[in-house]
Amino acid sequence: MRCTLWSLAALNFAGEPPLDRTRLYRWFTELQNPDGGFGYWHGRGSDLVATVSALESLQYLGLKGDRQVNLAASGQFLLQCEDPMGMKFVPDGEVTLSTTCQGIRGLLAVGLEEKARELATLIN
């Protein structure tokens, strides 16, 4: 999942168009889990890093989500990873600075800007 994001970011930086958008979008719809998150591959449980990578990849593809990629459900998964001290890799994991920063990016990708700003205040 992260490699896909890195590839799309590199293509964007180079001014090149993304690969086959339709094929990639279909792949993302197949990877979204019932809890709204994404795993590293089909059948893998959701985690924050893979979910944020998928959401940012969709942004590079110019896709906002629709009935097939449920952005609201992805936002709910991210909120399950929230803790008063920051964000966790998985809902029952531990808070780290890295996952908190990635979680903030994910919250922004699903339109939860106020929650993202709230979490950003925890980083000093």
PDB file of N, CA and C in Angstrom:
ATOM      1  N   MET A   1       0.824  -1.183   0.000  1.00  0.00           N
ATOM      2  CA  MET A   1       0.000   0.000   0.000  1.00  0.00           C
ATOM      3  C   MET A   1       0.876   1.258   0.000  1.00  0.00           C
ATOM      4  N   ARG A   2       1.868   1.294   0.882  1.00  0.00           N
ATOM      5  CA  ARG A   2       2.726   2.472   0.924  1.00  0.00           C
ATOM      6  C   ARG A   2       3.514   2.633  -0.369  1.00  0.00           C
ATOM      7  N   CYS A   3       3.930   1.535  -0.967  1.00  0.00           N
ATOM      8  CA  CYS A   3       4.686   1.622  -2.229  1.00  0.00           C
ATOM      9  C   CYS A   3       3.831   2.231  -3.330  1.00  0.00           C
ATOM     10  N   THR A   4       2.538   1.931  -3.319  1.00  0.00           N
ATOM     11  CA  THR A   4       1.630   2.530  -4.297  1.00  0.00           C
ATOM     12  C   THR A   4       1.578   4.041  -4.083  1.00  0.00           C
ATOM     13  N   LEU A   5       1.452   4.446  -2.829  1.00  0.00           N
ATOM     14  CA  LEU A   5       1.451   5.883  -2.517  1.00  0.00           C
ATOM     15  C   LEU A   5       2.748   6.533  -2.978  1.00  0.00           C
ATOM     16  N   TRP A   6       3.870   5.912  -2.682  1.00  0.00           N
ATOM     17  CA  TRP A   6       5.160   6.491  -3.071  1.00  0.00           C
ATOM     18  C   TRP A   6       5.266   6.613  -4.592  1.00  0.00           C
ATOM     19  N   SER A   7       4.788   5.612  -5.309  1.00  0.00           N
ATOM     20  CA  SER A   7       4.825   5.652  -6.776  1.00  0.00           C
ATOM     21  C   SER A   7       3.965   6.780  -7.313  1.00  0.00           C
ATOM     22  N   LEU A   8       2.753   6.909  -6.768  1.00  0.00           N
ATOM     23  CA  LEU A   8       1.867   7.986  -7.215  1.00  0.00           C
ATOM     24  C   LEU A   8       2.444   9.356  -6.871  1.00  0.00           C
ATOM     25  N   ALA A   9       3.085   9.480  -5.713  1.00  0.00           N
ATOM     26  CA  ALA A   9       3.713  10.751  -5.330  1.00  0.00           C
ATOM     27  C   ALA A   9       4.863  11.085  -6.275  1.00  0.00           C
ATOM     28  N   ALA A  10       5.661  10.086  -6.628  1.00  0.00           N
ATOM     29  CA  ALA A  10       6.790  10.317  -7.541  1.00  0.00           C
ATOM     30  C   ALA A  10       6.296  10.725  -8.924  1.00  0.00           C
ATOM     31  N   LEU A  11       5.261  10.054  -9.422  1.00  0.00           N
ATOM     32  CA  LEU A  11       4.695  10.417 -10.723  1.00  0.00           C
ATOM     33  C   LEU A  11       4.165  11.850 -10.690  1.00  0.00           C
ATOM     34  N   ASN A  12       3.496  12.201  -9.603  1.00  0.00           N
ATOM     35  CA  ASN A  12       2.965  13.546  -9.455  1.00  0.00           C
ATOM     36  C   ASN A  12       4.098  14.574  -9.443  1.00  0.00           C
ATOM     37  N   PHE A  13       5.143  14.299  -8.683  1.00  0.00           N
ATOM     38  CA  PHE A  13       6.292  15.204  -8.597  1.00  0.00           C
ATOM     39  C   PHE A  13       6.947  15.397  -9.965  1.00  0.00           C
ATOM     40  N   ALA A  14       7.002  14.306 -10.748  1.00  0.00           N
ATOM     41  CA  ALA A  14       7.623  14.367 -12.066  1.00  0.00           C
ATOM     42  C   ALA A  14       6.688  14.967 -13.118  1.00  0.00           C
ATOM     43  N   GLY A  15       5.455  15.285 -12.714  1.00  0.00           N
ATOM     44  CA  GLY A  15       4.506  15.849 -13.666  1.00  0.00           C
ATOM     45  C   GLY A  15       3.917  14.826 -14.618  1.00  0.00           C
ATOM     46  N   GLU A  16       4.048  13.568 -14.274  1.00  0.00           N
ATOM     47  CA  GLU A  16       3.527  12.490 -15.113  1.00  0.00           C
ATOM     48  C   GLU A  16       2.127  12.105 -14.641  1.00  0.00           C
ATOM     49  N   PRO A  17       1.274  11.667 -15.544  1.00  0.00           N
ATOM     50  CA  PRO A  17      -0.061  11.233 -15.125  1.00  0.00           C
ATOM     51  C   PRO A  17       0.025   9.910 -14.351  1.00  0.00           C
ATOM     52  N   PRO A  18      -0.931   9.692 -13.444  1.00  0.00           N
ATOM     53  CA  PRO A  18      -0.932   8.423 -12.721  1.00  0.00           C
ATOM     54  C   PRO A  18      -1.171   7.260 -13.666  1.00  0.00           C
ATOM     55  N   LEU A  19      -0.908   6.102 -13.180  1.00  0.00           N
ATOM     56  CA  LEU A  19      -1.149   4.890 -13.954  1.00  0.00           C
ATOM     57  C   LEU A  19      -2.646   4.738 -14.186  1.00  0.00           C
ATOM     58  N   ASP A  20      -3.097   3.608 -14.588  1.00  0.00           N
ATOM     59  CA  ASP A  20      -4.504   3.349 -14.890  1.00  0.00           C
ATOM     60  C   ASP A  20      -5.385   3.622 -13.664  1.00  0.00           C
ATOM     61  N   ARG A  21      -6.020   4.773 -13.649  1.00  0.00           N
ATOM     62  CA  ARG A  21      -6.836   5.187 -12.508  1.00  0.00           C
ATOM     63  C   ARG A  21      -7.963   4.209 -12.215  1.00  0.00           C
ATOM     64  N   THR A  22      -8.636   3.758 -13.246  1.00  0.00           N
ATOM     65  CA  THR A  22      -9.764   2.852 -13.053  1.00  0.00           C
ATOM     66  C   THR A  22      -9.316   1.550 -12.400  1.00  0.00           C
ATOM     67  N   ARG A  23      -8.231   1.023 -12.864  1.00  0.00           N
ATOM     68  CA  ARG A  23      -7.710  -0.230 -12.307  1.00  0.00           C
ATOM     69  C   ARG A  23      -7.262  -0.041 -10.851  1.00  0.00           C
ATOM     70  N   LEU A  24      -6.559   1.051 -10.583  1.00  0.00           N
ATOM     71  CA  LEU A  24      -6.123   1.320  -9.216  1.00  0.00           C
ATOM     72  C   LEU A  24      -7.309   1.558  -8.293  1.00  0.00           C
ATOM     73  N   TYR A  25      -8.288   2.301  -8.755  1.00  0.00           N
ATOM     74  CA  TYR A  25      -9.464   2.578  -7.942  1.00  0.00           C
ATOM     75  C   TYR A  25     -10.192   1.268  -7.600  1.00  0.00           C
ATOM     76  N   ARG A  26     -10.340   0.403  -8.580  1.00  0.00           N
ATOM     77  CA  ARG A  26     -10.985  -0.899  -8.348  1.00  0.00           C
ATOM     78  C   ARG A  26     -10.206  -1.687  -7.300  1.00  0.00           C
ATOM     79  N   TRP A  27      -8.875  -1.626  -7.382  1.00  0.00           N
ATOM     80  CA  TRP A  27      -8.033  -2.331  -6.421  1.00  0.00           C
ATOM     81  C   TRP A  27      -8.263  -1.792  -5.010  1.00  0.00           C
ATOM     82  N   PHE A  28      -8.347  -0.468  -4.871  1.00  0.00           N
ATOM     83  CA  PHE A  28      -8.610   0.111  -3.552  1.00  0.00           C
ATOM     84  C   PHE A  28      -9.970  -0.312  -3.012  1.00  0.00           C
ATOM     85  N   THR A  29     -10.988  -0.372  -3.870  1.00  0.00           N
ATOM     86  CA  THR A  29     -12.305  -0.783  -3.388  1.00  0.00           C
ATOM     87  C   THR A  29     -12.276  -2.225  -2.890  1.00  0.00           C
ATOM     88  N   GLU A  30     -11.457  -3.058  -3.502  1.00  0.00           N
ATOM     89  CA  GLU A  30     -11.346  -4.451  -3.069  1.00  0.00           C
ATOM     90  C   GLU A  30     -10.579  -4.584  -1.761  1.00  0.00           C
ATOM     91  N   LEU A  31      -9.697  -3.633  -1.467  1.00  0.00           N
ATOM     92  CA  LEU A  31      -8.880  -3.699  -0.254  1.00  0.00           C
ATOM     93  C   LEU A  31      -9.545  -3.102   0.978  1.00  0.00           C
ATOM     94  N   GLN A  32     -10.579  -2.280   0.790  1.00  0.00           N
ATOM     95  CA  GLN A  32     -11.203  -1.664   1.957  1.00  0.00           C
ATOM     96  C   GLN A  32     -11.928  -2.737   2.768  1.00  0.00           C
ATOM     97  N   ASN A  33     -11.623  -2.761   4.039  1.00  0.00           N
ATOM     98  CA  ASN A  33     -12.214  -3.736   4.950  1.00  0.00           C
ATOM     99  C   ASN A  33     -13.569  -3.264   5.468  1.00  0.00           C
ATOM    100  N   PRO A  34     -14.372  -4.177   5.997  1.00  0.00           N
ATOM    101  CA  PRO A  34     -15.693  -3.800   6.526  1.00  0.00           C
ATOM    102  C   PRO A  34     -15.637  -2.728   7.622  1.00  0.00           C
ATOM    103  N   ASP A  35     -14.501  -2.625   8.335  1.00  0.00           N
ATOM    104  CA  ASP A  35     -14.392  -1.599   9.391  1.00  0.00           C
ATOM    105  C   ASP A  35     -14.044  -0.229   8.826  1.00  0.00           C
ATOM    106  N   GLY A  36     -13.909  -0.122   7.499  1.00  0.00           N
ATOM    107  CA  GLY A  36     -13.621   1.149   6.841  1.00  0.00           C
ATOM    108  C   GLY A  36     -12.154   1.399   6.586  1.00  0.00           C
ATOM    109  N   GLY A  37     -11.286   0.653   7.279  1.00  0.00           N
ATOM    110  CA  GLY A  37      -9.855   0.817   7.100  1.00  0.00           C
ATOM    111  C   GLY A  37      -9.325  -0.039   5.961  1.00  0.00           C
ATOM    112  N   PHE A  38      -8.020   0.033   5.781  1.00  0.00           N
ATOM    113  CA  PHE A  38      -7.332  -0.741   4.747  1.00  0.00           C
ATOM    114  C   PHE A  38      -6.189  -1.503   5.389  1.00  0.00           C
ATOM    115  N   GLY A  39      -5.870  -2.664   4.816  1.00  0.00           N
ATOM    116  CA  GLY A  39      -4.705  -3.425   5.230  1.00  0.00           C
ATOM    117  C   GLY A  39      -3.657  -3.352   4.135  1.00  0.00           C
ATOM    118  N   TYR A  40      -2.505  -3.939   4.382  1.00  0.00           N
ATOM    119  CA  TYR A  40      -1.427  -3.886   3.388  1.00  0.00           C
ATOM    120  C   TYR A  40      -1.747  -4.689   2.143  1.00  0.00           C
ATOM    121  N   TRP A  41      -2.592  -5.707   2.270  1.00  0.00           N
ATOM    122  CA  TRP A  41      -2.998  -6.508   1.128  1.00  0.00           C
ATOM    123  C   TRP A  41      -4.375  -7.062   1.399  1.00  0.00           C
ATOM    124  N   HIS A  42      -4.982  -7.658   0.389  1.00  0.00           N
ATOM    125  CA  HIS A  42      -6.331  -8.212   0.500  1.00  0.00           C
ATOM    126  C   HIS A  42      -6.383  -9.253   1.612  1.00  0.00           C
ATOM    127  N   GLY A  43      -7.344  -9.092   2.505  1.00  0.00           N
ATOM    128  CA  GLY A  43      -7.512 -10.040   3.597  1.00  0.00           C
ATOM    129  C   GLY A  43      -6.758  -9.676   4.863  1.00  0.00           C
ATOM    130  N   ARG A  44      -5.902  -8.699   4.798  1.00  0.00           N
ATOM    131  CA  ARG A  44      -5.145  -8.279   5.984  1.00  0.00           C
ATOM    132  C   ARG A  44      -5.984  -7.285   6.776  1.00  0.00           C
ATOM    133  N   GLY A  45      -5.912  -7.361   8.094  1.00  0.00           N
ATOM    134  CA  GLY A  45      -6.652  -6.438   8.945  1.00  0.00           C
ATOM    135  C   GLY A  45      -6.232  -4.995   8.727  1.00  0.00           C
ATOM    136  N   SER A  46      -7.119  -4.103   9.060  1.00  0.00           N
ATOM    137  CA  SER A  46      -6.882  -2.671   8.878  1.00  0.00           C
ATOM    138  C   SER A  46      -5.861  -2.141   9.870  1.00  0.00           C
ATOM    139  N   ASP A  47      -5.080  -1.186   9.414  1.00  0.00           N
ATOM    140  CA  ASP A  47      -4.193  -0.433  10.299  1.00  0.00           C
ATOM    141  C   ASP A  47      -4.138   1.001   9.810  1.00  0.00           C
ATOM    142  N   LEU A  48      -3.687   1.881  10.677  1.00  0.00           N
ATOM    143  CA  LEU A  48      -3.682   3.305  10.384  1.00  0.00           C
ATOM    144  C   LEU A  48      -2.779   3.656   9.205  1.00  0.00           C
ATOM    145  N   VAL A  49      -1.582   3.094   9.149  1.00  0.00           N
ATOM    146  CA  VAL A  49      -0.631   3.448   8.090  1.00  0.00           C
ATOM    147  C   VAL A  49      -1.166   3.049   6.714  1.00  0.00           C
ATOM    148  N   ALA A  50      -1.676   1.836   6.592  1.00  0.00           N
ATOM    149  CA  ALA A  50      -2.219   1.395   5.306  1.00  0.00           C
ATOM    150  C   ALA A  50      -3.444   2.227   4.927  1.00  0.00           C
ATOM    151  N   THR A  51      -4.267   2.564   5.914  1.00  0.00           N
ATOM    152  CA  THR A  51      -5.462   3.358   5.635  1.00  0.00           C
ATOM    153  C   THR A  51      -5.089   4.752   5.133  1.00  0.00           C
ATOM    154  N   VAL A  52      -4.147   5.393   5.800  1.00  0.00           N
ATOM    155  CA  VAL A  52      -3.719   6.726   5.366  1.00  0.00           C
ATOM    156  C   VAL A  52      -3.058   6.645   3.985  1.00  0.00           C
ATOM    157  N   SER A  53      -2.273   5.615   3.748  1.00  0.00           N
ATOM    158  CA  SER A  53      -1.640   5.438   2.430  1.00  0.00           C
ATOM    159  C   SER A  53      -2.698   5.310   1.343  1.00  0.00           C
ATOM    160  N   ALA A  54      -3.750   4.551   1.615  1.00  0.00           N
ATOM    161  CA  ALA A  54      -4.832   4.391   0.636  1.00  0.00           C
ATOM    162  C   ALA A  54      -5.539   5.725   0.397  1.00  0.00           C
ATOM    163  N   LEU A  55      -5.842   6.442   1.469  1.00  0.00           N
ATOM    164  CA  LEU A  55      -6.543   7.719   1.333  1.00  0.00           C
ATOM    165  C   LEU A  55      -5.720   8.740   0.558  1.00  0.00           C
ATOM    166  N   GLU A  56      -4.425   8.803   0.836  1.00  0.00           N
ATOM    167  CA  GLU A  56      -3.576   9.755   0.109  1.00  0.00           C
ATOM    168  C   GLU A  56      -3.374   9.312  -1.337  1.00  0.00           C
ATOM    169  N   SER A  57      -3.340   8.017  -1.588  1.00  0.00           N
ATOM    170  CA  SER A  57      -3.256   7.524  -2.969  1.00  0.00           C
ATOM    171  C   SER A  57      -4.491   7.941  -3.744  1.00  0.00           C
ATOM    172  N   LEU A  58      -5.662   7.823  -3.123  1.00  0.00           N
ATOM    173  CA  LEU A  58      -6.895   8.243  -3.784  1.00  0.00           C
ATOM    174  C   LEU A  58      -6.855   9.730  -4.115  1.00  0.00           C
ATOM    175  N   GLN A  59      -6.238  10.528  -3.237  1.00  0.00           N
ATOM    176  CA  GLN A  59      -6.105  11.957  -3.527  1.00  0.00           C
ATOM    177  C   GLN A  59      -5.234  12.178  -4.763  1.00  0.00           C
ATOM    178  N   TYR A  60      -4.125  11.454  -4.867  1.00  0.00           N
ATOM    179  CA  TYR A  60      -3.264  11.589  -6.044  1.00  0.00           C
ATOM    180  C   TYR A  60      -3.994  11.168  -7.318  1.00  0.00           C
ATOM    181  N   LEU A  61      -4.908  10.211  -7.178  1.00  0.00           N
ATOM    182  CA  LEU A  61      -5.678   9.760  -8.332  1.00  0.00           C
ATOM    183  C   LEU A  61      -6.810  10.730  -8.672  1.00  0.00           C
ATOM    184  N   GLY A  62      -7.019  11.718  -7.803  1.00  0.00           N
ATOM    185  CA  GLY A  62      -8.081  12.687  -8.050  1.00  0.00           C
ATOM    186  C   GLY A  62      -9.451  12.140  -7.725  1.00  0.00           C
ATOM    187  N   LEU A  63      -9.498  11.113  -6.879  1.00  0.00           N
ATOM    188  CA  LEU A  63     -10.764  10.484  -6.540  1.00  0.00           C
ATOM    189  C   LEU A  63     -11.131  10.804  -5.104  1.00  0.00           C
ATOM    190  N   LYS A  64     -12.347  11.222  -4.913  1.00  0.00           N
ATOM    191  CA  LYS A  64     -12.810  11.615  -3.593  1.00  0.00           C
ATOM    192  C   LYS A  64     -13.548  10.486  -2.882  1.00  0.00           C
ATOM    193  N   GLY A  65     -13.720   9.366  -3.534  1.00  0.00           N
ATOM    194  CA  GLY A  65     -14.496   8.277  -2.938  1.00  0.00           C
ATOM    195  C   GLY A  65     -15.952   8.410  -3.346  1.00  0.00           C
ATOM    196  N   ASP A  66     -16.643   7.336  -3.317  1.00  0.00           N
ATOM    197  CA  ASP A  66     -18.069   7.327  -3.601  1.00  0.00           C
ATOM    198  C   ASP A  66     -18.663   6.116  -2.909  1.00  0.00           C
ATOM    199  N   ARG A  67     -19.688   5.549  -3.479  1.00  0.00           N
ATOM    200  CA  ARG A  67     -20.337   4.420  -2.831  1.00  0.00           C
ATOM    201  C   ARG A  67     -19.444   3.198  -2.743  1.00  0.00           C
ATOM    202  N   GLN A  68     -18.351   3.154  -3.495  1.00  0.00           N
ATOM    203  CA  GLN A  68     -17.484   1.986  -3.472  1.00  0.00           C
ATOM    204  C   GLN A  68     -16.327   2.141  -2.493  1.00  0.00           C
ATOM    205  N   VAL A  69     -15.688   3.291  -2.457  1.00  0.00           N
ATOM    206  CA  VAL A  69     -14.675   3.562  -1.435  1.00  0.00           C
ATOM    207  C   VAL A  69     -15.353   4.485  -0.434  1.00  0.00           C
ATOM    208  N   ASN A  70     -15.591   3.958   0.743  1.00  0.00           N
ATOM    209  CA  ASN A  70     -16.368   4.671   1.754  1.00  0.00           C
ATOM    210  C   ASN A  70     -15.441   5.509   2.634  1.00  0.00           C
ATOM    211  N   LEU A  71     -15.309   6.791   2.272  1.00  0.00           N
ATOM    212  CA  LEU A  71     -14.432   7.688   3.029  1.00  0.00           C
ATOM    213  C   LEU A  71     -14.933   7.922   4.444  1.00  0.00           C
ATOM    214  N   ALA A  72     -16.244   7.982   4.619  1.00  0.00           N
ATOM    215  CA  ALA A  72     -16.790   8.178   5.964  1.00  0.00           C
ATOM    216  C   ALA A  72     -16.417   7.001   6.864  1.00  0.00           C
ATOM    217  N   ALA A  73     -16.486   5.786   6.321  1.00  0.00           N
ATOM    218  CA  ALA A  73     -16.106   4.608   7.095  1.00  0.00           C
ATOM    219  C   ALA A  73     -14.612   4.624   7.409  1.00  0.00           C
ATOM    220  N   SER A  74     -13.799   5.112   6.470  1.00  0.00           N
ATOM    221  CA  SER A  74     -12.360   5.240   6.735  1.00  0.00           C
ATOM    222  C   SER A  74     -12.119   6.225   7.864  1.00  0.00           C
ATOM    223  N   GLY A  75     -12.875   7.310   7.872  1.00  0.00           N
ATOM    224  CA  GLY A  75     -12.771   8.285   8.956  1.00  0.00           C
ATOM    225  C   GLY A  75     -13.137   7.666  10.298  1.00  0.00           C
ATOM    226  N   GLN A  76     -14.171   6.844  10.299  1.00  0.00           N
ATOM    227  CA  GLN A  76     -14.565   6.172  11.538  1.00  0.00           C
ATOM    228  C   GLN A  76     -13.482   5.219  12.019  1.00  0.00           C
ATOM    229  N   PHE A  77     -12.835   4.514  11.083  1.00  0.00           N
ATOM    230  CA  PHE A  77     -11.734   3.637  11.485  1.00  0.00           C
ATOM    231  C   PHE A  77     -10.615   4.455  12.122  1.00  0.00           C
ATOM    232  N   LEU A  78     -10.269   5.574  11.499  1.00  0.00           N
ATOM    233  CA  LEU A  78      -9.210   6.419  12.056  1.00  0.00           C
ATOM    234  C   LEU A  78      -9.574   6.902  13.455  1.00  0.00           C
ATOM    235  N   LEU A  79     -10.829   7.261  13.646  1.00  0.00           N
ATOM    236  CA  LEU A  79     -11.258   7.720  14.970  1.00  0.00           C
ATOM    237  C   LEU A  79     -11.164   6.601  16.010  1.00  0.00           C
ATOM    238  N   GLN A  80     -11.305   5.356  15.571  1.00  0.00           N
ATOM    239  CA  GLN A  80     -11.131   4.222  16.491  1.00  0.00           C
ATOM    240  C   GLN A  80      -9.676   4.103  16.936  1.00  0.00           C
ATOM    241  N   CYS A  81      -8.764   4.637  16.145  1.00  0.00           N
ATOM    242  CA  CYS A  81      -7.337   4.596  16.481  1.00  0.00           C
ATOM    243  C   CYS A  81      -6.920   5.777  17.345  1.00  0.00           C
ATOM    244  N   GLU A  82      -7.865   6.644  17.644  1.00  0.00           N
ATOM    245  CA  GLU A  82      -7.560   7.835  18.438  1.00  0.00           C
ATOM    246  C   GLU A  82      -7.508   7.502  19.928  1.00  0.00           C
ATOM    247  N   ASP A  83      -6.677   8.254  20.610  1.00  0.00           N
ATOM    248  CA  ASP A  83      -6.491   8.129  22.053  1.00  0.00           C
ATOM    249  C   ASP A  83      -6.285   9.560  22.570  1.00  0.00           C
ATOM    250  N   PRO A  84      -6.571   9.828  23.822  1.00  0.00           N
ATOM    251  CA  PRO A  84      -6.332  11.190  24.330  1.00  0.00           C
ATOM    252  C   PRO A  84      -4.885  11.671  24.168  1.00  0.00           C
ATOM    253  N   MET A  85      -3.956  10.727  23.993  1.00  0.00           N
ATOM    254  CA  MET A  85      -2.540  11.089  23.848  1.00  0.00           C
ATOM    255  C   MET A  85      -2.077  11.150  22.392  1.00  0.00           C
ATOM    256  N   GLY A  86      -2.916  10.744  21.435  1.00  0.00           N
ATOM    257  CA  GLY A  86      -2.518  10.746  20.028  1.00  0.00           C
ATOM    258  C   GLY A  86      -3.218   9.647  19.257  1.00  0.00           C
ATOM    259  N   MET A  87      -2.514   9.081  18.286  1.00  0.00           N
ATOM    260  CA  MET A  87      -3.092   8.048  17.426  1.00  0.00           C
ATOM    261  C   MET A  87      -2.299   6.752  17.555  1.00  0.00           C
ATOM    262  N   LYS A  88      -3.012   5.646  17.328  1.00  0.00           N
ATOM    263  CA  LYS A  88      -2.427   4.318  17.450  1.00  0.00           C
ATOM    264  C   LYS A  88      -2.425   3.623  16.086  1.00  0.00           C
ATOM    265  N   PHE A  89      -1.505   2.703  15.883  1.00  0.00           N
ATOM    266  CA  PHE A  89      -1.385   1.948  14.633  1.00  0.00           C
ATOM    267  C   PHE A  89      -2.650   1.137  14.368  1.00  0.00           C
ATOM    268  N   VAL A  90      -3.206   0.547  15.396  1.00  0.00           N
ATOM    269  CA  VAL A  90      -4.475  -0.190  15.342  1.00  0.00           C
ATOM    270  C   VAL A  90      -5.281   0.235  16.565  1.00  0.00           C
ATOM    271  N   PRO A  91      -6.592   0.045  16.556  1.00  0.00           N
ATOM    272  CA  PRO A  91      -7.406   0.527  17.676  1.00  0.00           C
ATOM    273  C   PRO A  91      -6.941   0.075  19.061  1.00  0.00           C
ATOM    274  N   ASP A  92      -6.382  -1.112  19.181  1.00  0.00           N
ATOM    275  CA  ASP A  92      -5.943  -1.575  20.499  1.00  0.00           C
ATOM    276  C   ASP A  92      -4.425  -1.471  20.673  1.00  0.00           C
ATOM    277  N   GLY A  93      -3.781  -0.641  19.861  1.00  0.00           N
ATOM    278  CA  GLY A  93      -2.330  -0.480  19.919  1.00  0.00           C
ATOM    279  C   GLY A  93      -1.910   0.629  20.862  1.00  0.00           C
ATOM    280  N   GLU A  94      -0.663   1.043  20.710  1.00  0.00           N
ATOM    281  CA  GLU A  94      -0.102   2.100  21.540  1.00  0.00           C
ATOM    282  C   GLU A  94       0.128   3.360  20.712  1.00  0.00           C
ATOM    283  N   VAL A  95       0.026   4.481  21.362  1.00  0.00           N
ATOM    284  CA  VAL A  95       0.233   5.777  20.714  1.00  0.00           C
ATOM    285  C   VAL A  95       1.714   5.971  20.410  1.00  0.00           C
ATOM    286  N   THR A  96       2.002   6.460  19.206  1.00  0.00           N
ATOM    287  CA  THR A  96       3.362   6.877  18.858  1.00  0.00           C
ATOM    288  C   THR A  96       3.272   8.221  18.136  1.00  0.00           C
ATOM    289  N   LEU A  97       4.370   8.936  18.125  1.00  0.00           N
ATOM    290  CA  LEU A  97       4.421  10.206  17.406  1.00  0.00           C
ATOM    291  C   LEU A  97       4.202   9.984  15.915  1.00  0.00           C
ATOM    292  N   SER A  98       4.834   8.957  15.376  1.00  0.00           N
ATOM    293  CA  SER A  98       4.722   8.673  13.945  1.00  0.00           C
ATOM    294  C   SER A  98       3.271   8.400  13.541  1.00  0.00           C
ATOM    295  N   THR A  99       2.581   7.540  14.278  1.00  0.00           N
ATOM    296  CA  THR A  99       1.195   7.247  13.900  1.00  0.00           C
ATOM    297  C   THR A  99       0.296   8.448  14.144  1.00  0.00           C
ATOM    298  N   THR A 100       0.622   9.262  15.137  1.00  0.00           N
ATOM    299  CA  THR A 100      -0.172  10.474  15.356  1.00  0.00           C
ATOM    300  C   THR A 100      -0.045  11.407  14.154  1.00  0.00           C
ATOM    301  N   CYS A 101       1.168  11.604  13.668  1.00  0.00           N
ATOM    302  CA  CYS A 101       1.372  12.462  12.489  1.00  0.00           C
ATOM    303  C   CYS A 101       0.670  11.892  11.263  1.00  0.00           C
ATOM    304  N   GLN A 102       0.788  10.592  11.060  1.00  0.00           N
ATOM    305  CA  GLN A 102       0.110   9.970   9.922  1.00  0.00           C
ATOM    306  C   GLN A 102      -1.397  10.044  10.090  1.00  0.00           C
ATOM    307  N   GLY A 103      -1.869   9.850  11.311  1.00  0.00           N
ATOM    308  CA  GLY A 103      -3.301   9.942  11.566  1.00  0.00           C
ATOM    309  C   GLY A 103      -3.857  11.319  11.257  1.00  0.00           C
ATOM    310  N   ILE A 104      -3.095  12.347  11.575  1.00  0.00           N
ATOM    311  CA  ILE A 104      -3.518  13.716  11.263  1.00  0.00           C
ATOM    312  C   ILE A 104      -3.703  13.867   9.752  1.00  0.00           C
ATOM    313  N   ARG A 105      -2.758  13.345   8.974  1.00  0.00           N
ATOM    314  CA  ARG A 105      -2.885  13.407   7.502  1.00  0.00           C
ATOM    315  C   ARG A 105      -4.128  12.654   7.039  1.00  0.00           C
ATOM    316  N   GLY A 106      -4.399  11.502   7.646  1.00  0.00           N
ATOM    317  CA  GLY A 106      -5.579  10.727   7.275  1.00  0.00           C
ATOM    318  C   GLY A 106      -6.866  11.453   7.604  1.00  0.00           C
ATOM    319  N   LEU A 107      -6.917  12.062   8.781  1.00  0.00           N
ATOM    320  CA  LEU A 107      -8.117  12.814   9.162  1.00  0.00           C
ATOM    321  C   LEU A 107      -8.366  13.963   8.200  1.00  0.00           C
ATOM    322  N   LEU A 108      -7.299  14.618   7.760  1.00  0.00           N
ATOM    323  CA  LEU A 108      -7.452  15.683   6.769  1.00  0.00           C
ATOM    324  C   LEU A 108      -7.988  15.127   5.447  1.00  0.00           C
ATOM    325  N   ALA A 109      -7.532  13.945   5.074  1.00  0.00           N
ATOM    326  CA  ALA A 109      -7.956  13.337   3.799  1.00  0.00           C
ATOM    327  C   ALA A 109      -9.440  12.987   3.779  1.00  0.00           C
ATOM    328  N   VAL A 110     -10.021  12.745   4.954  1.00  0.00           N
ATOM    329  CA  VAL A 110     -11.450  12.411   4.994  1.00  0.00           C
ATOM    330  C   VAL A 110     -12.304  13.592   5.449  1.00  0.00           C
ATOM    331  N   GLY A 111     -11.684  14.771   5.543  1.00  0.00           N
ATOM    332  CA  GLY A 111     -12.444  15.982   5.854  1.00  0.00           C
ATOM    333  C   GLY A 111     -12.680  16.246   7.323  1.00  0.00           C
ATOM    334  N   LEU A 112     -11.952  15.576   8.203  1.00  0.00           N
ATOM    335  CA  LEU A 112     -12.100  15.804   9.642  1.00  0.00           C
ATOM    336  C   LEU A 112     -11.025  16.786  10.122  1.00  0.00           C
ATOM    337  N   GLU A 113     -11.080  17.990   9.569  1.00  0.00           N
ATOM    338  CA  GLU A 113     -10.050  19.001   9.820  1.00  0.00           C
ATOM    339  C   GLU A 113      -9.990  19.437  11.276  1.00  0.00           C
ATOM    340  N   GLU A 114     -11.127  19.621  11.907  1.00  0.00           N
ATOM    341  CA  GLU A 114     -11.133  20.071  13.303  1.00  0.00           C
ATOM    342  C   GLU A 114     -10.464  19.029  14.207  1.00  0.00           C
ATOM    343  N   LYS A 115     -10.767  17.762  13.984  1.00  0.00           N
ATOM    344  CA  LYS A 115     -10.145  16.693  14.772  1.00  0.00           C
ATOM    345  C   LYS A 115      -8.642  16.646  14.504  1.00  0.00           C
ATOM    346  N   ALA A 116      -8.235  16.861  13.258  1.00  0.00           N
ATOM    347  CA  ALA A 116      -6.814  16.868  12.918  1.00  0.00           C
ATOM    348  C   ALA A 116      -6.100  18.008  13.643  1.00  0.00           C
ATOM    349  N   ARG A 117      -6.702  19.190  13.669  1.00  0.00           N
ATOM    350  CA  ARG A 117      -6.095  20.327  14.365  1.00  0.00           C
ATOM    351  C   ARG A 117      -5.987  20.059  15.870  1.00  0.00           C
ATOM    352  N   GLU A 118      -7.013  19.438  16.405  1.00  0.00           N
ATOM    353  CA  GLU A 118      -7.028  19.084  17.826  1.00  0.00           C
ATOM    354  C   GLU A 118      -5.834  18.174  18.159  1.00  0.00           C
ATOM    355  N   LEU A 119      -5.628  17.154  17.333  1.00  0.00           N
ATOM    356  CA  LEU A 119      -4.515  16.235  17.556  1.00  0.00           C
ATOM    357  C   LEU A 119      -3.171  16.927  17.365  1.00  0.00           C
ATOM    358  N   ALA A 120      -3.106  17.840  16.425  1.00  0.00           N
ATOM    359  CA  ALA A 120      -1.846  18.541  16.158  1.00  0.00           C
ATOM    360  C   ALA A 120      -1.390  19.340  17.380  1.00  0.00           C
ATOM    361  N   THR A 121      -2.324  19.776  18.200  1.00  0.00           N
ATOM    362  CA  THR A 121      -1.933  20.531  19.393  1.00  0.00           C
ATOM    363  C   THR A 121      -1.212  19.649  20.413  1.00  0.00           C
ATOM    364  N   LEU A 122      -1.316  18.330  20.275  1.00  0.00           N
ATOM    365  CA  LEU A 122      -0.630  17.423  21.191  1.00  0.00           C
ATOM    366  C   LEU A 122       0.861  17.315  20.887  1.00  0.00           C
ATOM    367  N   ILE A 123       1.242  17.759  19.682  1.00  0.00           N
ATOM    368  CA  ILE A 123       2.639  17.639  19.263  1.00  0.00           C
ATOM    369  C   ILE A 123       3.363  18.933  19.601  1.00  0.00           C
ATOM    370  N   ASN A 124       4.253  18.867  20.530  1.00  0.00           N
ATOM    371  CA  ASN A 124       5.001  20.070  20.941  1.00  0.00           C
ATOM    372  C   ASN A 124       6.468  19.891  20.672  1.00  0.00           C
TER     373      ASN A 124
END
